[in-house]
Amino acid sequence: MNAELEYSVMQHHAAELRQAAAEQRRVREALKGQRSERRHRSVFAKFLAS
């Protein structure tokens, strides 16, 4: 494989990795947000129950 084609393939692969990392980051942030919402809701439910 010539150098230019290899470089192009490597760039494309790097872009795909960056995109996948960004997607995982968004998923983790969304899950973290849901977890904190659940925690607040349960604290609120305990407050109402007392």
C-alpha atoms as a PDB file:
ATOM      1  CA  MET A   1       0.000   0.000   0.000  1.00  0.00           C
ATOM      2  CA  ASN A   2       1.424   3.380  -0.874  1.00  0.00           C
ATOM      3  CA  ALA A   3       2.087   5.945   1.834  1.00  0.00           C
ATOM      4  CA  GLU A   4      -0.653   8.411   0.828  1.00  0.00           C
ATOM      5  CA  LEU A   5      -3.349   5.742   0.848  1.00  0.00           C
ATOM      6  CA  GLU A   6      -2.090   4.349   4.143  1.00  0.00           C
ATOM      7  CA  TYR A   7      -2.111   7.854   5.649  1.00  0.00           C
ATOM      8  CA  SER A   8      -5.667   8.415   4.408  1.00  0.00           C
ATOM      9  CA  VAL A   9      -6.846   5.111   5.905  1.00  0.00           C
ATOM     10  CA  MET A  10      -5.156   5.973   9.214  1.00  0.00           C
ATOM     11  CA  GLN A  11      -6.846   9.400   9.257  1.00  0.00           C
ATOM     12  CA  HIS A  12     -10.233   7.814   8.597  1.00  0.00           C
ATOM     13  CA  HIS A  13      -9.682   5.271  11.372  1.00  0.00           C
ATOM     14  CA  ALA A  14      -8.628   8.024  13.798  1.00  0.00           C
ATOM     15  CA  ALA A  15     -11.779   9.992  12.958  1.00  0.00           C
ATOM     16  CA  GLU A  16     -13.916   6.913  13.622  1.00  0.00           C
ATOM     17  CA  LEU A  17     -12.190   6.392  16.983  1.00  0.00           C
ATOM     18  CA  ARG A  18     -12.762  10.034  17.953  1.00  0.00           C
ATOM     19  CA  GLN A  19     -16.430   9.743  16.987  1.00  0.00           C
ATOM     20  CA  ALA A  20     -16.855   6.540  19.019  1.00  0.00           C
ATOM     21  CA  ALA A  21     -15.142   8.139  22.022  1.00  0.00           C
ATOM     22  CA  ALA A  22     -17.440  11.166  21.814  1.00  0.00           C
ATOM     23  CA  GLU A  23     -20.480   8.884  21.616  1.00  0.00           C
ATOM     24  CA  GLN A  24     -19.336   6.915  24.694  1.00  0.00           C
ATOM     25  CA  ARG A  25     -18.763  10.180  26.546  1.00  0.00           C
ATOM     26  CA  ARG A  26     -22.329  11.313  25.731  1.00  0.00           C
ATOM     27  CA  VAL A  27     -23.729   7.972  26.922  1.00  0.00           C
ATOM     28  CA  ARG A  28     -21.760   8.147  30.182  1.00  0.00           C
ATOM     29  CA  GLU A  29     -22.914  11.731  30.804  1.00  0.00           C
ATOM     30  CA  ALA A  30     -26.536  10.760  30.127  1.00  0.00           C
ATOM     31  CA  LEU A  31     -26.308   7.780  32.484  1.00  0.00           C
ATOM     32  CA  LYS A  32     -24.673   9.906  35.159  1.00  0.00           C
ATOM     33  CA  GLY A  33     -27.532  12.423  34.830  1.00  0.00           C
ATOM     34  CA  GLN A  34     -30.150   9.690  35.171  1.00  0.00           C
ATOM     35  CA  ARG A  35     -28.429   8.262  38.251  1.00  0.00           C
ATOM     36  CA  SER A  36     -28.414  11.627  40.009  1.00  0.00           C
ATOM     37  CA  GLU A  37     -32.083  12.203  39.097  1.00  0.00           C
ATOM     38  CA  ARG A  38     -32.982   8.839  40.623  1.00  0.00           C
ATOM     39  CA  ARG A  39     -31.030   9.635  43.776  1.00  0.00           C
ATOM     40  CA  HIS A  40     -32.784  13.007  44.187  1.00  0.00           C
ATOM     41  CA  ARG A  41     -36.165  11.425  43.598  1.00  0.00           C
ATOM     42  CA  SER A  42     -35.581   8.762  46.259  1.00  0.00           C
ATOM     43  CA  VAL A  43     -34.412  11.387  48.764  1.00  0.00           C
ATOM     44  CA  PHE A  44     -37.541  13.395  47.979  1.00  0.00           C
ATOM     45  CA  ALA A  45     -39.713  10.284  48.375  1.00  0.00           C
ATOM     46  CA  LYS A  46     -38.112   9.570  51.766  1.00  0.00           C
ATOM     47  CA  PHE A  47     -38.787  13.156  52.808  1.00  0.00           C
ATOM     48  CA  LEU A  48     -42.452  12.854  51.826  1.00  0.00           C
ATOM     49  CA  ALA A  49     -42.792   9.499  53.597  1.00  0.00           C
ATOM     50  CA  SER A  50     -41.471  10.836  56.910  1.00  0.00           C
END
